[in-house]
PDB file of all heavy atoms in Angstrom:
ATOM      1  N   ARG A   1     105.978  42.995-105.015  1.00  0.00           N
ATOM      2  CA  ARG A   1     104.600  43.480-104.972  1.00  0.00           C
ATOM      3  C   ARG A   1     103.596  42.426-104.514  1.00  0.00           C
ATOM      4  O   ARG A   1     102.452  42.758-104.229  1.00  0.00           O
ATOM      5  CB  ARG A   1     104.186  43.974-106.357  1.00  0.00           C
ATOM      6  CG  ARG A   1     104.989  45.159-106.821  1.00  0.00           C
ATOM      7  CD  ARG A   1     104.577  45.556-108.211  1.00  0.00           C
ATOM      8  NE  ARG A   1     105.378  46.678-108.700  1.00  0.00           N
ATOM      9  CZ  ARG A   1     105.477  46.984-109.977  1.00  0.00           C
ATOM     10  NH1 ARG A   1     104.829  46.286-110.891  1.00  0.00           N
ATOM     11  NH2 ARG A   1     106.226  48.007-110.344  1.00  0.00           N
ATOM     12  N   GLY A   2     104.026  41.180-104.472  1.00  0.00           N
ATOM     13  CA  GLY A   2     103.099  40.085-104.183  1.00  0.00           C
ATOM     14  C   GLY A   2     102.478  40.140-102.814  1.00  0.00           C
ATOM     15  O   GLY A   2     101.370  40.634-102.639  1.00  0.00           O
ATOM     16  N   SER A   3     103.168  39.637-101.834  1.00  0.00           N
ATOM     17  CA  SER A   3     102.682  39.589-100.453  1.00  0.00           C
ATOM     18  C   SER A   3     103.833  39.921 -99.520  1.00  0.00           C
ATOM     19  O   SER A   3     104.392  39.042 -98.866  1.00  0.00           O
ATOM     20  CB  SER A   3     102.127  38.200-100.141  1.00  0.00           C
ATOM     21  OG  SER A   3     101.021  37.900-100.946  1.00  0.00           O
ATOM     22  N   PRO A   4     104.209  41.207 -99.429  1.00  0.00           N
ATOM     23  CA  PRO A   4     105.384  41.558 -98.617  1.00  0.00           C
ATOM     24  C   PRO A   4     105.253  41.209 -97.137  1.00  0.00           C
ATOM     25  O   PRO A   4     106.256  41.105 -96.452  1.00  0.00           O
ATOM     26  CB  PRO A   4     105.543  43.061 -98.836  1.00  0.00           C
ATOM     27  CG  PRO A   4     104.306  43.525 -99.503  1.00  0.00           C
ATOM     28  CD  PRO A   4     103.618  42.341-100.091  1.00  0.00           C
ATOM     29  N   ALA A   5     104.045  41.006 -96.663  1.00  0.00           N
ATOM     30  CA  ALA A   5     103.890  40.597 -95.262  1.00  0.00           C
ATOM     31  C   ALA A   5     104.288  39.131 -95.078  1.00  0.00           C
ATOM     32  O   ALA A   5     104.561  38.702 -93.958  1.00  0.00           O
ATOM     33  CB  ALA A   5     102.447  40.803 -94.814  1.00  0.00           C
ATOM     34  N   LEU A   6     104.347  38.381 -96.185  1.00  0.00           N
ATOM     35  CA  LEU A   6     104.748  36.975 -96.125  1.00  0.00           C
ATOM     36  C   LEU A   6     106.155  36.753 -96.655  1.00  0.00           C
ATOM     37  O   LEU A   6     106.927  35.975 -96.092  1.00  0.00           O
ATOM     38  CB  LEU A   6     103.771  36.109 -96.934  1.00  0.00           C
ATOM     39  CG  LEU A   6     102.315  36.121 -96.497  1.00  0.00           C
ATOM     40  CD1 LEU A   6     101.472  35.264 -97.442  1.00  0.00           C
ATOM     41  CD2 LEU A   6     102.167  35.651 -95.067  1.00  0.00           C
ATOM     42  N   VAL A   7     106.460  37.409 -97.779  1.00  0.00           N
ATOM     43  CA  VAL A   7     107.761  37.277 -98.442  1.00  0.00           C
ATOM     44  C   VAL A   7     108.242  38.677 -98.814  1.00  0.00           C
ATOM     45  O   VAL A   7     107.564  39.384 -99.555  1.00  0.00           O
ATOM     46  CB  VAL A   7     107.665  36.406 -99.719  1.00  0.00           C
ATOM     47  CG1 VAL A   7     109.019  36.322-100.418  1.00  0.00           C
ATOM     48  CG2 VAL A   7     107.140  35.012 -99.395  1.00  0.00           C
ATOM     49  N   THR A   8     109.383  39.063 -98.289  1.00  0.00           N
ATOM     50  CA  THR A   8     109.909  40.406 -98.514  1.00  0.00           C
ATOM     51  C   THR A   8     111.199  40.342 -99.323  1.00  0.00           C
ATOM     52  O   THR A   8     112.119  39.608 -98.967  1.00  0.00           O
ATOM     53  CB  THR A   8     110.165  41.115 -97.169  1.00  0.00           C
ATOM     54  OG1 THR A   8     108.922  41.214 -96.471  1.00  0.00           O
ATOM     55  CG2 THR A   8     110.738  42.505 -97.375  1.00  0.00           C
ATOM     56  N   LEU A   9     111.236  41.128-100.393  1.00  0.00           N
ATOM     57  CA  LEU A   9     112.442  41.219-101.217  1.00  0.00           C
ATOM     58  C   LEU A   9     113.452  42.130-100.515  1.00  0.00           C
ATOM     59  O   LEU A   9     113.181  43.297-100.270  1.00  0.00           O
ATOM     60  CB  LEU A   9     112.104  41.782-102.600  1.00  0.00           C
ATOM     61  CG  LEU A   9     113.268  41.926-103.571  1.00  0.00           C
ATOM     62  CD1 LEU A   9     113.897  40.583-103.895  1.00  0.00           C
ATOM     63  CD2 LEU A   9     112.804  42.617-104.845  1.00  0.00           C
ATOM     64  N   VAL A  10     114.613  41.579-100.199  1.00  0.00           N
ATOM     65  CA  VAL A  10     115.678  42.324 -99.534  1.00  0.00           C
ATOM     66  C   VAL A  10     116.588  42.979-100.560  1.00  0.00           C
ATOM     67  O   VAL A  10     117.028  44.109-100.382  1.00  0.00           O
ATOM     68  CB  VAL A  10     116.483  41.401 -98.586  1.00  0.00           C
ATOM     69  CG1 VAL A  10     117.643  42.143 -97.950  1.00  0.00           C
ATOM     70  CG2 VAL A  10     115.573  40.798 -97.527  1.00  0.00           C
ATOM     71  N   GLY A  11     116.865  42.259-101.660  1.00  0.00           N
ATOM     72  CA  GLY A  11     117.766  42.799-102.667  1.00  0.00           C
ATOM     73  C   GLY A  11     118.050  41.780-103.749  1.00  0.00           C
ATOM     74  O   GLY A  11     117.341  40.783-103.877  1.00  0.00           O
ATOM     75  N   VAL A  12     119.073  42.034-104.531  1.00  0.00           N
ATOM     76  CA  VAL A  12     119.521  41.098-105.552  1.00  0.00           C
ATOM     77  C   VAL A  12     120.912  40.597-105.174  1.00  0.00           C
ATOM     78  O   VAL A  12     121.672  41.291-104.497  1.00  0.00           O
ATOM     79  CB  VAL A  12     119.532  41.716-106.970  1.00  0.00           C
ATOM     80  CG1 VAL A  12     118.133  42.096-107.402  1.00  0.00           C
ATOM     81  CG2 VAL A  12     120.446  42.900-107.054  1.00  0.00           C
ATOM     82  N   TYR A  13     121.220  39.401-105.622  1.00  0.00           N
ATOM     83  CA  TYR A  13     122.450  38.740-105.224  1.00  0.00           C
ATOM     84  C   TYR A  13     123.076  38.078-106.448  1.00  0.00           C
ATOM     85  O   TYR A  13     122.382  37.391-107.200  1.00  0.00           O
ATOM     86  CB  TYR A  13     122.126  37.672-104.170  1.00  0.00           C
ATOM     87  CG  TYR A  13     123.306  36.935-103.599  1.00  0.00           C
ATOM     88  CD1 TYR A  13     123.919  37.381-102.431  1.00  0.00           C
ATOM     89  CD2 TYR A  13     123.803  35.775-104.191  1.00  0.00           C
ATOM     90  CE1 TYR A  13     124.995  36.694-101.883  1.00  0.00           C
ATOM     91  CE2 TYR A  13     124.870  35.086-103.653  1.00  0.00           C
ATOM     92  CZ  TYR A  13     125.462  35.556-102.496  1.00  0.00           C
ATOM     93  OH  TYR A  13     126.528  34.872-101.952  1.00  0.00           O
ATOM     94  N   ALA A  14     124.351  38.286-106.642  1.00  0.00           N
ATOM     95  CA  ALA A  14     125.097  37.623-107.704  1.00  0.00           C
ATOM     96  C   ALA A  14     126.407  37.112-107.120  1.00  0.00           C
ATOM     97  O   ALA A  14     127.041  37.791-106.309  1.00  0.00           O
ATOM     98  CB  ALA A  14     125.367  38.578-108.857  1.00  0.00           C
ATOM     99  N   HIS A  15     126.787  35.927-107.509  1.00  0.00           N
ATOM    100  CA  HIS A  15     128.029  35.308-107.041  1.00  0.00           C
ATOM    101  C   HIS A  15     128.932  35.084-108.247  1.00  0.00           C
ATOM    102  O   HIS A  15     128.521  34.457-109.219  1.00  0.00           O
ATOM    103  CB  HIS A  15     127.724  33.987-106.352  1.00  0.00           C
ATOM    104  CG  HIS A  15     128.940  33.195-106.002  1.00  0.00           C
ATOM    105  ND1 HIS A  15     129.830  33.608-105.042  1.00  0.00           N
ATOM    106  CD2 HIS A  15     129.419  32.032-106.500  1.00  0.00           C
ATOM    107  CE1 HIS A  15     130.807  32.723-104.954  1.00  0.00           C
ATOM    108  NE2 HIS A  15     130.583  31.761-105.829  1.00  0.00           N
ATOM    109  N   CYS A  16     130.127  35.582-108.180  1.00  0.00           N
ATOM    110  CA  CYS A  16     131.071  35.479-109.306  1.00  0.00           C
ATOM    111  C   CYS A  16     131.898  34.200-109.216  1.00  0.00           C
ATOM    112  O   CYS A  16     133.133  34.229-109.264  1.00  0.00           O
ATOM    113  CB  CYS A  16     131.984  36.701-109.331  1.00  0.00           C
ATOM    114  SG  CYS A  16     131.144  38.244-109.658  1.00  0.00           S
ATOM    115  N   GLY A  17     131.218  33.075-109.111  1.00  0.00           N
ATOM    116  CA  GLY A  17     131.921  31.794-109.072  1.00  0.00           C
ATOM    117  C   GLY A  17     132.670  31.501-110.357  1.00  0.00           C
ATOM    118  O   GLY A  17     133.570  30.661-110.378  1.00  0.00           O
ATOM    119  N   ASN A  18     132.316  32.208-111.433  1.00  0.00           N
ATOM    120  CA  ASN A  18     133.026  32.015-112.696  1.00  0.00           C
ATOM    121  C   ASN A  18     134.436  32.601-112.645  1.00  0.00           C
ATOM    122  O   ASN A  18     135.208  32.421-113.580  1.00  0.00           O
ATOM    123  CB  ASN A  18     132.223  32.571-113.872  1.00  0.00           C
ATOM    124  CG  ASN A  18     131.682  33.951-113.649  1.00  0.00           C
ATOM    125  OD1 ASN A  18     131.456  34.382-112.517  1.00  0.00           O
ATOM    126  ND2 ASN A  18     131.432  34.676-114.712  1.00  0.00           N
ATOM    127  N   THR A  19     134.804  33.248-111.554  1.00  0.00           N
ATOM    128  CA  THR A  19     136.181  33.730-111.403  1.00  0.00           C
ATOM    129  C   THR A  19     137.126  32.624-110.936  1.00  0.00           C
ATOM    130  O   THR A  19     138.339  32.779-111.029  1.00  0.00           O
ATOM    131  CB  THR A  19     136.270  34.895-110.390  1.00  0.00           C
ATOM    132  OG1 THR A  19     135.815  34.425-109.108  1.00  0.00           O
ATOM    133  CG2 THR A  19     135.454  36.088-110.836  1.00  0.00           C
ATOM    134  N   TYR A  20     136.580  31.528-110.445  1.00  0.00           N
ATOM    135  CA  TYR A  20     137.424  30.471-109.885  1.00  0.00           C
ATOM    136  C   TYR A  20     138.430  29.933-110.896  1.00  0.00           C
ATOM    137  O   TYR A  20     139.519  29.528-110.533  1.00  0.00           O
ATOM    138  CB  TYR A  20     136.587  29.313-109.345  1.00  0.00           C
ATOM    139  CG  TYR A  20     135.657  29.674-108.209  1.00  0.00           C
ATOM    140  CD1 TYR A  20     134.601  28.848-107.875  1.00  0.00           C
ATOM    141  CD2 TYR A  20     135.810  30.843-107.464  1.00  0.00           C
ATOM    142  CE1 TYR A  20     133.741  29.158-106.834  1.00  0.00           C
ATOM    143  CE2 TYR A  20     134.957  31.162-106.434  1.00  0.00           C
ATOM    144  CZ  TYR A  20     133.921  30.316-106.124  1.00  0.00           C
ATOM    145  OH  TYR A  20     133.072  30.623-105.093  1.00  0.00           O
ATOM    146  N   GLY A  21     138.069  29.943-112.168  1.00  0.00           N
ATOM    147  CA  GLY A  21     138.969  29.430-113.190  1.00  0.00           C
ATOM    148  C   GLY A  21     139.885  30.475-113.794  1.00  0.00           C
ATOM    149  O   GLY A  21     140.656  30.167-114.707  1.00  0.00           O
ATOM    150  N   CYS A  22     139.831  31.685-113.290  1.00  0.00           N
ATOM    151  CA  CYS A  22     140.667  32.756-113.849  1.00  0.00           C
ATOM    152  C   CYS A  22     142.139  32.529-113.523  1.00  0.00           C
ATOM    153  O   CYS A  22     142.483  32.078-112.428  1.00  0.00           O
ATOM    154  CB  CYS A  22     140.230  34.113-113.310  1.00  0.00           C
ATOM    155  SG  CYS A  22     138.632  34.647-113.926  1.00  0.00           S
ATOM    156  N   GLY A  23     142.976  32.921-114.454  1.00  0.00           N
ATOM    157  CA  GLY A  23     144.408  32.729-114.270  1.00  0.00           C
ATOM    158  C   GLY A  23     145.149  33.955-113.774  1.00  0.00           C
ATOM    159  O   GLY A  23     146.312  33.857-113.400  1.00  0.00           O
ATOM    160  N   ASP A  24     144.459  35.104-113.768  1.00  0.00           N
ATOM    161  CA  ASP A  24     145.149  36.310-113.307  1.00  0.00           C
ATOM    162  C   ASP A  24     144.148  37.347-112.791  1.00  0.00           C
ATOM    163  O   ASP A  24     142.936  37.206-112.951  1.00  0.00           O
ATOM    164  CB  ASP A  24     146.019  36.905-114.415  1.00  0.00           C
ATOM    165  CG  ASP A  24     145.230  37.253-115.671  1.00  0.00           C
ATOM    166  OD1 ASP A  24     144.058  37.673-115.562  1.00  0.00           O
ATOM    167  OD2 ASP A  24     145.797  37.119-116.774  1.00  0.00           O
ATOM    168  N   THR A  25     144.699  38.357-112.176  1.00  0.00           N
ATOM    169  CA  THR A  25     143.881  39.416-111.575  1.00  0.00           C
ATOM    170  C   THR A  25     143.054  40.152-112.615  1.00  0.00           C
ATOM    171  O   THR A  25     141.883  40.475-112.369  1.00  0.00           O
ATOM    172  CB  THR A  25     144.782  40.417-110.812  1.00  0.00           C
ATOM    173  OG1 THR A  25     145.510  39.686-109.816  1.00  0.00           O
ATOM    174  CG2 THR A  25     143.976  41.498-110.146  1.00  0.00           C
ATOM    175  N   ALA A  26     143.617  40.410-113.776  1.00  0.00           N
ATOM    176  CA  ALA A  26     142.887  41.139-114.816  1.00  0.00           C
ATOM    177  C   ALA A  26     141.621  40.391-115.227  1.00  0.00           C
ATOM    178  O   ALA A  26     140.576  41.001-115.451  1.00  0.00           O
ATOM    179  CB  ALA A  26     143.785  41.375-116.028  1.00  0.00           C
ATOM    180  N   ALA A  27     141.688  39.069-115.315  1.00  0.00           N
ATOM    181  CA  ALA A  27     140.517  38.269-115.692  1.00  0.00           C
ATOM    182  C   ALA A  27     139.441  38.337-114.605  1.00  0.00           C
ATOM    183  O   ALA A  27     138.253  38.455-114.901  1.00  0.00           O
ATOM    184  CB  ALA A  27     140.922  36.828-115.961  1.00  0.00           C
ATOM    185  N   VAL A  28     139.857  38.279-113.337  1.00  0.00           N
ATOM    186  CA  VAL A  28     138.915  38.396-112.221  1.00  0.00           C
ATOM    187  C   VAL A  28     138.247  39.773-112.253  1.00  0.00           C
ATOM    188  O   VAL A  28     137.028  39.895-112.098  1.00  0.00           O
ATOM    189  CB  VAL A  28     139.623  38.164-110.865  1.00  0.00           C
ATOM    190  CG1 VAL A  28     138.702  38.504-109.693  1.00  0.00           C
ATOM    191  CG2 VAL A  28     140.125  36.730-110.757  1.00  0.00           C
ATOM    192  N   GLN A  29     139.041  40.800-112.469  1.00  0.00           N
ATOM    193  CA  GLN A  29     138.496  42.161-112.512  1.00  0.00           C
ATOM    194  C   GLN A  29     137.525  42.350-113.668  1.00  0.00           C
ATOM    195  O   GLN A  29     136.516  43.043-113.528  1.00  0.00           O
ATOM    196  CB  GLN A  29     139.631  43.181-112.582  1.00  0.00           C
ATOM    197  CG  GLN A  29     140.416  43.267-111.289  1.00  0.00           C
ATOM    198  CD  GLN A  29     141.666  44.110-111.409  1.00  0.00           C
ATOM    199  OE1 GLN A  29     142.226  44.286-112.497  1.00  0.00           O
ATOM    200  NE2 GLN A  29     142.127  44.632-110.269  1.00  0.00           N
ATOM    201  N   ALA A  30     137.787  41.724-114.800  1.00  0.00           N
ATOM    202  CA  ALA A  30     136.880  41.821-115.952  1.00  0.00           C
ATOM    203  C   ALA A  30     135.534  41.188-115.624  1.00  0.00           C
ATOM    204  O   ALA A  30     134.480  41.748-115.935  1.00  0.00           O
ATOM    205  CB  ALA A  30     137.509  41.166-117.177  1.00  0.00           C
ATOM    206  N   ILE A  31     135.549  40.029-114.976  1.00  0.00           N
ATOM    207  CA  ILE A  31     134.299  39.379-114.575  1.00  0.00           C
ATOM    208  C   ILE A  31     133.572  40.231-113.545  1.00  0.00           C
ATOM    209  O   ILE A  31     132.349  40.403-113.616  1.00  0.00           O
ATOM    210  CB  ILE A  31     134.561  37.951-114.051  1.00  0.00           C
ATOM    211  CG1 ILE A  31     134.969  37.046-115.218  1.00  0.00           C
ATOM    212  CG2 ILE A  31     133.337  37.400-113.322  1.00  0.00           C
ATOM    213  CD1 ILE A  31     135.420  35.663-114.814  1.00  0.00           C
ATOM    214  N   ALA A  32     134.303  40.796-112.606  1.00  0.00           N
ATOM    215  CA  ALA A  32     133.676  41.663-111.599  1.00  0.00           C
ATOM    216  C   ALA A  32     133.017  42.877-112.250  1.00  0.00           C
ATOM    217  O   ALA A  32     131.893  43.253-111.884  1.00  0.00           O
ATOM    218  CB  ALA A  32     134.710  42.108-110.564  1.00  0.00           C
ATOM    219  N   ARG A  33     133.675  43.481-113.217  1.00  0.00           N
ATOM    220  CA  ARG A  33     133.091  44.628-113.931  1.00  0.00           C
ATOM    221  C   ARG A  33     131.840  44.224-114.699  1.00  0.00           C
ATOM    222  O   ARG A  33     130.821  44.918-114.654  1.00  0.00           O
ATOM    223  CB  ARG A  33     134.118  45.250-114.887  1.00  0.00           C
ATOM    224  CG  ARG A  33     135.087  46.209-114.224  1.00  0.00           C
ATOM    225  CD  ARG A  33     135.909  46.983-115.249  1.00  0.00           C
ATOM    226  NE  ARG A  33     136.653  46.121-116.159  1.00  0.00           N
ATOM    227  CZ  ARG A  33     137.847  45.597-115.894  1.00  0.00           C
ATOM    228  NH1 ARG A  33     138.446  45.851-114.747  1.00  0.00           N
ATOM    229  NH2 ARG A  33     138.450  44.820-116.773  1.00  0.00           N
ATOM    230  N   ASP A  34     131.910  43.094-115.398  1.00  0.00           N
ATOM    231  CA  ASP A  34     130.760  42.627-116.167  1.00  0.00           C
ATOM    232  C   ASP A  34     129.582  42.311-115.255  1.00  0.00           C
ATOM    233  O   ASP A  34     128.431  42.644-115.563  1.00  0.00           O
ATOM    234  CB  ASP A  34     131.127  41.391-116.987  1.00  0.00           C
ATOM    235  CG  ASP A  34     132.078  41.693-118.135  1.00  0.00           C
ATOM    236  OD1 ASP A  34     132.281  42.888-118.472  1.00  0.00           O
ATOM    237  OD2 ASP A  34     132.647  40.722-118.692  1.00  0.00           O
ATOM    238  N   THR A  35     129.861  41.659-114.128  1.00  0.00           N
ATOM    239  CA  THR A  35     128.806  41.320-113.174  1.00  0.00           C
ATOM    240  C   THR A  35     128.185  42.576-112.585  1.00  0.00           C
ATOM    241  O   THR A  35     126.961  42.691-112.503  1.00  0.00           O
ATOM    242  CB  THR A  35     129.356  40.416-112.053  1.00  0.00           C
ATOM    243  OG1 THR A  35     129.864  39.205-112.643  1.00  0.00           O
ATOM    244  CG2 THR A  35     128.280  40.077-111.035  1.00  0.00           C
ATOM    245  N   THR A  36     129.024  43.517-112.203  1.00  0.00           N
ATOM    246  CA  THR A  36     128.520  44.781-111.657  1.00  0.00           C
ATOM    247  C   THR A  36     127.642  45.501-112.671  1.00  0.00           C
ATOM    248  O   THR A  36     126.551  45.988-112.328  1.00  0.00           O
ATOM    249  CB  THR A  36     129.688  45.688-111.227  1.00  0.00           C
ATOM    250  OG1 THR A  36     130.447  44.994-110.220  1.00  0.00           O
ATOM    251  CG2 THR A  36     129.202  46.995-110.653  1.00  0.00           C
ATOM    252  N   ALA A  37     128.071  45.558-113.903  1.00  0.00           N
ATOM    253  CA  ALA A  37     127.289  46.220-114.951  1.00  0.00           C
ATOM    254  C   ALA A  37     125.947  45.511-115.147  1.00  0.00           C
ATOM    255  O   ALA A  37     124.909  46.166-115.284  1.00  0.00           O
ATOM    256  CB  ALA A  37     128.078  46.270-116.259  1.00  0.00           C
TER     257      ALA A  37
END
């Protein structure tokens, strides 16, 4: 709402870098579900 002619919000962004330490697919999928939610 500020000054869209100067700065425009395109969207929101989240990076699941916390999956890097996961040991299996189920753990990655759990983080992906939590992030999506």
